[in-house]
Every structure is written in C-alpha cells, then in structure tokens.
Amino acid sequence: MLRELTLLRRERAKLRDRERALVAAARREGVTWREVGVALGVSHQAVCKRFSKDA
C-alpha cells in the first residue's frame, strides 16, 4: 500500500507539470484565461491566480 501511495504522489506531480505546460502552451497560442478555466472546470479568476506567474 505504501509503495502505491508513493507512486500516486509521483503521478500527481507529473500531471501537475503536464497541466502547467499545457496551460502555458494554450496561453502562448492566444487562449484566454476564461477558456482555460472552462476547460479545467474552474473560474477564470482561479485559473489566472494559479497559472499567471507561469505563463
């Protein structure tokens, strides 16, 4: 069970990195914060706050 939890933690980190990369790529292509928010199922304010320093 502990090994699986460790694997889960690593997978979450990979997903977090992938999400950041995709958001940054979308922003470079002109996708709005509102559109990113819709895709992620959160408000544009939440997504902007979370990712604006990365874009």
N, C-alpha and C. Protein backbone atom coordinates (compact mmCIF):
# COMPACT_ATOMS: atom_id res chain seq x y z
N MET A 1 0.82 -1.19 0.00
CA MET A 1 0.00 0.00 0.00
C MET A 1 0.87 1.26 0.00
N LEU A 2 1.94 1.30 0.79
CA LEU A 2 2.79 2.49 0.84
C LEU A 2 3.49 2.73 -0.50
N ARG A 3 3.87 1.67 -1.15
CA ARG A 3 4.50 1.81 -2.47
C ARG A 3 3.53 2.44 -3.45
N GLU A 4 2.29 2.02 -3.41
CA GLU A 4 1.27 2.59 -4.29
C GLU A 4 1.03 4.06 -3.99
N LEU A 5 1.05 4.42 -2.72
CA LEU A 5 0.88 5.83 -2.36
C LEU A 5 2.04 6.68 -2.89
N THR A 6 3.23 6.12 -2.82
CA THR A 6 4.39 6.82 -3.35
C THR A 6 4.27 7.00 -4.86
N LEU A 7 3.83 5.95 -5.54
CA LEU A 7 3.61 6.04 -6.99
C LEU A 7 2.54 7.07 -7.32
N LEU A 8 1.50 7.10 -6.53
CA LEU A 8 0.43 8.08 -6.72
C LEU A 8 0.96 9.50 -6.59
N ARG A 9 1.78 9.73 -5.59
CA ARG A 9 2.37 11.07 -5.39
C ARG A 9 3.19 11.47 -6.62
N ARG A 10 3.96 10.54 -7.15
CA ARG A 10 4.77 10.83 -8.35
C ARG A 10 3.90 11.12 -9.56
N GLU A 11 2.84 10.36 -9.71
CA GLU A 11 1.93 10.58 -10.83
C GLU A 11 1.24 11.94 -10.73
N ARG A 12 0.85 12.32 -9.52
CA ARG A 12 0.25 13.65 -9.32
C ARG A 12 1.21 14.74 -9.74
N ALA A 13 2.48 14.60 -9.37
CA ALA A 13 3.49 15.59 -9.74
C ALA A 13 3.64 15.68 -11.26
N LYS A 14 3.63 14.53 -11.93
CA LYS A 14 3.72 14.51 -13.39
C LYS A 14 2.51 15.20 -14.01
N LEU A 15 1.32 14.91 -13.48
CA LEU A 15 0.11 15.55 -14.00
C LEU A 15 0.13 17.05 -13.78
N ARG A 16 0.60 17.48 -12.63
CA ARG A 16 0.70 18.91 -12.31
C ARG A 16 1.64 19.59 -13.32
N ASP A 17 2.78 18.96 -13.59
CA ASP A 17 3.73 19.53 -14.55
C ASP A 17 3.13 19.58 -15.95
N ARG A 18 2.44 18.53 -16.34
CA ARG A 18 1.80 18.48 -17.66
C ARG A 18 0.73 19.55 -17.79
N GLU A 19 -0.07 19.73 -16.73
CA GLU A 19 -1.11 20.74 -16.73
C GLU A 19 -0.50 22.13 -16.91
N ARG A 20 0.55 22.42 -16.17
CA ARG A 20 1.23 23.72 -16.30
C ARG A 20 1.75 23.94 -17.71
N ALA A 21 2.35 22.91 -18.29
CA ALA A 21 2.88 23.02 -19.65
C ALA A 21 1.76 23.27 -20.66
N LEU A 22 0.64 22.57 -20.50
CA LEU A 22 -0.48 22.74 -21.43
C LEU A 22 -1.11 24.11 -21.30
N VAL A 23 -1.25 24.59 -20.08
CA VAL A 23 -1.81 25.93 -19.87
C VAL A 23 -0.88 26.97 -20.49
N ALA A 24 0.41 26.85 -20.26
CA ALA A 24 1.36 27.80 -20.83
C ALA A 24 1.31 27.77 -22.36
N ALA A 25 1.22 26.58 -22.94
CA ALA A 25 1.14 26.47 -24.40
C ALA A 25 -0.15 27.09 -24.92
N ALA A 26 -1.24 26.84 -24.24
CA ALA A 26 -2.52 27.42 -24.64
C ALA A 26 -2.46 28.94 -24.60
N ARG A 27 -1.89 29.48 -23.55
CA ARG A 27 -1.78 30.93 -23.42
C ARG A 27 -0.90 31.52 -24.52
N ARG A 28 0.19 30.84 -24.85
CA ARG A 28 1.06 31.32 -25.94
C ARG A 28 0.32 31.35 -27.28
N GLU A 29 -0.64 30.44 -27.43
CA GLU A 29 -1.43 30.37 -28.66
C GLU A 29 -2.64 31.32 -28.64
N GLY A 30 -2.78 32.09 -27.57
CA GLY A 30 -3.84 33.08 -27.52
C GLY A 30 -5.12 32.65 -26.83
N VAL A 31 -5.12 31.49 -26.21
CA VAL A 31 -6.31 31.03 -25.48
C VAL A 31 -6.47 31.92 -24.24
N THR A 32 -7.69 32.36 -23.99
CA THR A 32 -7.93 33.26 -22.85
C THR A 32 -7.96 32.49 -21.53
N TRP A 33 -7.79 33.25 -20.45
CA TRP A 33 -7.89 32.63 -19.11
C TRP A 33 -9.28 32.03 -18.93
N ARG A 34 -10.29 32.70 -19.46
CA ARG A 34 -11.67 32.18 -19.34
C ARG A 34 -11.79 30.83 -20.04
N GLU A 35 -11.24 30.70 -21.23
CA GLU A 35 -11.30 29.43 -21.96
C GLU A 35 -10.53 28.33 -21.24
N VAL A 36 -9.38 28.68 -20.69
CA VAL A 36 -8.61 27.69 -19.91
C VAL A 36 -9.43 27.27 -18.70
N GLY A 37 -10.05 28.22 -18.03
CA GLY A 37 -10.87 27.90 -16.86
C GLY A 37 -12.01 26.96 -17.20
N VAL A 38 -12.68 27.22 -18.31
CA VAL A 38 -13.77 26.34 -18.74
C VAL A 38 -13.24 24.93 -18.97
N ALA A 39 -12.11 24.83 -19.65
CA ALA A 39 -11.53 23.51 -19.94
C ALA A 39 -11.17 22.75 -18.66
N LEU A 40 -10.72 23.49 -17.65
CA LEU A 40 -10.32 22.86 -16.39
C LEU A 40 -11.46 22.77 -15.36
N GLY A 41 -12.59 23.38 -15.69
CA GLY A 41 -13.75 23.31 -14.80
C GLY A 41 -13.66 24.22 -13.59
N VAL A 42 -12.95 25.36 -13.76
CA VAL A 42 -12.83 26.34 -12.69
C VAL A 42 -13.05 27.73 -13.27
N SER A 43 -13.19 28.72 -12.40
CA SER A 43 -13.39 30.10 -12.86
C SER A 43 -12.11 30.63 -13.51
N HIS A 44 -12.29 31.64 -14.35
CA HIS A 44 -11.10 32.23 -14.95
C HIS A 44 -10.23 32.92 -13.91
N GLN A 45 -10.86 33.43 -12.83
CA GLN A 45 -10.08 34.04 -11.75
C GLN A 45 -9.18 33.01 -11.08
N ALA A 46 -9.74 31.82 -10.83
CA ALA A 46 -8.97 30.77 -10.16
C ALA A 46 -7.81 30.31 -11.03
N VAL A 47 -8.07 30.12 -12.32
CA VAL A 47 -7.01 29.64 -13.20
C VAL A 47 -5.94 30.72 -13.40
N CYS A 48 -6.35 31.95 -13.50
CA CYS A 48 -5.39 33.05 -13.65
C CYS A 48 -4.50 33.15 -12.41
N LYS A 49 -5.11 33.07 -11.24
CA LYS A 49 -4.35 33.13 -10.00
C LYS A 49 -3.35 31.97 -9.90
N ARG A 50 -3.78 30.80 -10.31
CA ARG A 50 -2.94 29.63 -10.19
C ARG A 50 -1.80 29.59 -11.20
N PHE A 51 -2.05 30.05 -12.43
CA PHE A 51 -1.09 29.86 -13.50
C PHE A 51 -0.46 31.14 -14.06
N SER A 52 -0.95 32.30 -13.71
CA SER A 52 -0.48 33.52 -14.38
C SER A 52 1.02 33.74 -14.21
N LYS A 53 1.61 33.32 -13.12
CA LYS A 53 3.06 33.50 -12.94
C LYS A 53 3.86 32.57 -13.84
N ASP A 54 3.21 31.50 -14.37
CA ASP A 54 3.90 30.53 -15.23
C ASP A 54 3.78 30.89 -16.71
N ALA A 55 2.80 31.71 -17.03
CA ALA A 55 2.52 31.98 -18.46
C ALA A 55 3.41 33.09 -18.98
